[in-house]
Amino acid sequence: MHTDRTTKTLLFAIALGLWVDVAGNWMTPTPAHAATTATTTTTGECDLSSIESSISSLESDVSSMESSLSSLESDMSSVKSDLSSVESGVGRIQRGTCSNDKIC
């Protein structure tokens, strides 16, 4: 029974240590960090050239997305035409009017 008491004591010590660690994390405030994307002047105003650069980057990203979207639309129309061709072939097989004698 001595080992049972020792085991329980060790488990209690581990649990107590974990709770103390959790409580310490709850009590300590998380430090706030300023954003590093825009540089600021001594008066706290954002640098206009940095903002313009970010806007330019966003505009190029939007342009790239529009290009990708038009490519997807083209691919989608190709898939639709392929699907209609497959549907037509399946219809001919169902009616027994296909050109392959082994299938029809």
C-alpha atoms as a PDB file:
ATOM      1  CA  MET A   1       0.000   0.000   0.000  1.00  0.00           C
ATOM      2  CA  HIS A   2       2.989   2.261   0.381  1.00  0.00           C
ATOM      3  CA  THR A   3       3.482   2.430  -3.414  1.00  0.00           C
ATOM      4  CA  ASP A   4      -0.174   3.367  -3.882  1.00  0.00           C
ATOM      5  CA  ARG A   5       0.224   6.333  -1.540  1.00  0.00           C
ATOM      6  CA  THR A   6       3.477   7.356  -3.274  1.00  0.00           C
ATOM      7  CA  THR A   7       1.846   7.158  -6.705  1.00  0.00           C
ATOM      8  CA  LYS A   8      -1.099   9.255  -5.586  1.00  0.00           C
ATOM      9  CA  THR A   9       1.217  11.822  -4.018  1.00  0.00           C
ATOM     10  CA  LEU A  10       3.284  12.105  -7.212  1.00  0.00           C
ATOM     11  CA  LEU A  11       0.175  12.417  -9.380  1.00  0.00           C
ATOM     12  CA  PHE A  12      -1.182  15.093  -7.047  1.00  0.00           C
ATOM     13  CA  ALA A  13       2.103  17.021  -7.270  1.00  0.00           C
ATOM     14  CA  ILE A  14       2.044  16.831 -11.078  1.00  0.00           C
ATOM     15  CA  ALA A  15      -1.597  17.973 -11.213  1.00  0.00           C
ATOM     16  CA  LEU A  16      -0.885  20.830  -8.803  1.00  0.00           C
ATOM     17  CA  GLY A  17       2.090  21.924 -10.909  1.00  0.00           C
ATOM     18  CA  LEU A  18      -0.009  21.919 -14.063  1.00  0.00           C
ATOM     19  CA  TRP A  19      -2.739  23.998 -12.410  1.00  0.00           C
ATOM     20  CA  VAL A  20      -0.180  26.502 -11.134  1.00  0.00           C
ATOM     21  CA  ASP A  21       1.223  26.800 -14.666  1.00  0.00           C
ATOM     22  CA  VAL A  22      -2.249  27.360 -16.137  1.00  0.00           C
ATOM     23  CA  ALA A  23      -3.127  29.910 -13.462  1.00  0.00           C
ATOM     24  CA  GLY A  24       0.124  31.763 -14.137  1.00  0.00           C
ATOM     25  CA  ASN A  25      -0.714  31.983 -17.848  1.00  0.00           C
ATOM     26  CA  TRP A  26      -4.198  33.282 -17.053  1.00  0.00           C
ATOM     27  CA  MET A  27      -2.842  35.967 -14.734  1.00  0.00           C
ATOM     28  CA  THR A  28      -0.105  37.219 -17.060  1.00  0.00           C
ATOM     29  CA  PRO A  29      -1.382  39.652 -19.720  1.00  0.00           C
ATOM     30  CA  THR A  30      -0.507  38.950 -23.323  1.00  0.00           C
ATOM     31  CA  PRO A  31       1.727  41.694 -24.738  1.00  0.00           C
ATOM     32  CA  ALA A  32       0.356  43.597 -27.732  1.00  0.00           C
ATOM     33  CA  HIS A  33       2.516  44.082 -30.797  1.00  0.00           C
ATOM     34  CA  ALA A  34       2.065  46.797 -33.400  1.00  0.00           C
ATOM     35  CA  ALA A  35       1.582  45.909 -37.045  1.00  0.00           C
ATOM     36  CA  THR A  36       4.807  46.018 -39.021  1.00  0.00           C
ATOM     37  CA  THR A  37       3.363  46.449 -42.517  1.00  0.00           C
ATOM     38  CA  ALA A  38       3.048  50.244 -42.433  1.00  0.00           C
ATOM     39  CA  THR A  39       5.779  52.458 -41.076  1.00  0.00           C
ATOM     40  CA  THR A  40       4.717  55.291 -38.796  1.00  0.00           C
ATOM     41  CA  THR A  41       6.142  58.726 -38.256  1.00  0.00           C
ATOM     42  CA  THR A  42       6.903  60.239 -34.882  1.00  0.00           C
ATOM     43  CA  THR A  43       3.379  61.699 -34.776  1.00  0.00           C
ATOM     44  CA  GLY A  44       1.837  58.270 -35.249  1.00  0.00           C
ATOM     45  CA  GLU A  45       0.629  58.812 -38.816  1.00  0.00           C
ATOM     46  CA  CYS A  46       1.097  56.046 -41.368  1.00  0.00           C
ATOM     47  CA  ASP A  47       3.515  56.566 -44.208  1.00  0.00           C
ATOM     48  CA  LEU A  48       1.466  57.354 -47.328  1.00  0.00           C
ATOM     49  CA  SER A  49       3.914  55.682 -49.714  1.00  0.00           C
ATOM     50  CA  SER A  50       3.648  52.437 -47.748  1.00  0.00           C
ATOM     51  CA  ILE A  51      -0.147  52.540 -48.013  1.00  0.00           C
ATOM     52  CA  GLU A  52       0.008  53.268 -51.753  1.00  0.00           C
ATOM     53  CA  SER A  53       2.419  50.382 -52.201  1.00  0.00           C
ATOM     54  CA  SER A  54       0.040  48.049 -50.352  1.00  0.00           C
ATOM     55  CA  ILE A  55      -2.891  49.220 -52.479  1.00  0.00           C
ATOM     56  CA  SER A  56      -0.877  48.654 -55.645  1.00  0.00           C
ATOM     57  CA  SER A  57      -0.034  45.150 -54.492  1.00  0.00           C
ATOM     58  CA  LEU A  58      -3.707  44.463 -53.769  1.00  0.00           C
ATOM     59  CA  GLU A  59      -4.713  45.755 -57.200  1.00  0.00           C
ATOM     60  CA  SER A  60      -2.252  43.409 -58.886  1.00  0.00           C
ATOM     61  CA  ASP A  61      -3.569  40.512 -56.775  1.00  0.00           C
ATOM     62  CA  VAL A  62      -7.147  41.322 -57.819  1.00  0.00           C
ATOM     63  CA  SER A  63      -6.075  41.500 -61.454  1.00  0.00           C
ATOM     64  CA  SER A  64      -4.426  38.102 -61.141  1.00  0.00           C
ATOM     65  CA  MET A  65      -7.594  36.680 -59.576  1.00  0.00           C
ATOM     66  CA  GLU A  66      -9.700  38.076 -62.412  1.00  0.00           C
ATOM     67  CA  SER A  67      -7.389  36.423 -64.931  1.00  0.00           C
ATOM     68  CA  SER A  68      -7.661  33.119 -63.090  1.00  0.00           C
ATOM     69  CA  LEU A  69     -11.436  33.461 -62.968  1.00  0.00           C
ATOM     70  CA  SER A  70     -11.685  33.992 -66.723  1.00  0.00           C
ATOM     71  CA  SER A  71      -9.478  30.933 -67.242  1.00  0.00           C
ATOM     72  CA  LEU A  72     -11.774  28.927 -64.977  1.00  0.00           C
ATOM     73  CA  GLU A  73     -14.813  30.108 -66.907  1.00  0.00           C
ATOM     74  CA  SER A  74     -13.185  28.949 -70.139  1.00  0.00           C
ATOM     75  CA  ASP A  75     -12.388  25.570 -68.625  1.00  0.00           C
ATOM     76  CA  MET A  76     -15.946  25.297 -67.306  1.00  0.00           C
ATOM     77  CA  SER A  77     -17.421  25.860 -70.768  1.00  0.00           C
ATOM     78  CA  SER A  78     -15.090  23.163 -72.126  1.00  0.00           C
ATOM     79  CA  VAL A  79     -16.272  20.751 -69.421  1.00  0.00           C
ATOM     80  CA  LYS A  80     -19.896  21.567 -70.256  1.00  0.00           C
ATOM     81  CA  SER A  81     -19.356  20.798 -73.937  1.00  0.00           C
ATOM     82  CA  ASP A  82     -17.597  17.529 -73.054  1.00  0.00           C
ATOM     83  CA  LEU A  83     -20.473  16.627 -70.744  1.00  0.00           C
ATOM     84  CA  SER A  84     -23.065  17.258 -73.435  1.00  0.00           C
ATOM     85  CA  SER A  85     -21.046  15.047 -75.804  1.00  0.00           C
ATOM     86  CA  VAL A  86     -21.000  12.256 -73.200  1.00  0.00           C
ATOM     87  CA  GLU A  87     -24.741  12.660 -72.600  1.00  0.00           C
ATOM     88  CA  SER A  88     -25.349  12.417 -76.318  1.00  0.00           C
ATOM     89  CA  GLY A  89     -23.284   9.220 -76.534  1.00  0.00           C
ATOM     90  CA  VAL A  90     -25.088   7.664 -73.569  1.00  0.00           C
ATOM     91  CA  GLY A  91     -28.419   8.549 -75.173  1.00  0.00           C
ATOM     92  CA  ARG A  92     -27.403   6.815 -78.407  1.00  0.00           C
ATOM     93  CA  ILE A  93     -26.352   3.734 -76.406  1.00  0.00           C
ATOM     94  CA  GLN A  94     -29.691   3.685 -74.590  1.00  0.00           C
ATOM     95  CA  ARG A  95     -31.613   3.963 -77.862  1.00  0.00           C
ATOM     96  CA  GLY A  96     -29.390   1.363 -79.519  1.00  0.00           C
ATOM     97  CA  THR A  97     -28.339   3.730 -82.310  1.00  0.00           C
ATOM     98  CA  CYS A  98     -24.631   4.016 -81.548  1.00  0.00           C
ATOM     99  CA  SER A  99     -21.945   3.240 -84.130  1.00  0.00           C
ATOM    100  CA  ASN A 100     -20.312   0.459 -82.068  1.00  0.00           C
ATOM    101  CA  ASP A 101     -22.047  -2.894 -82.688  1.00  0.00           C
ATOM    102  CA  LYS A 102     -20.559  -4.513 -79.576  1.00  0.00           C
ATOM    103  CA  ILE A 103     -22.102  -1.907 -77.231  1.00  0.00           C
ATOM    104  CA  CYS A 104     -25.467  -1.369 -78.884  1.00  0.00           C
END
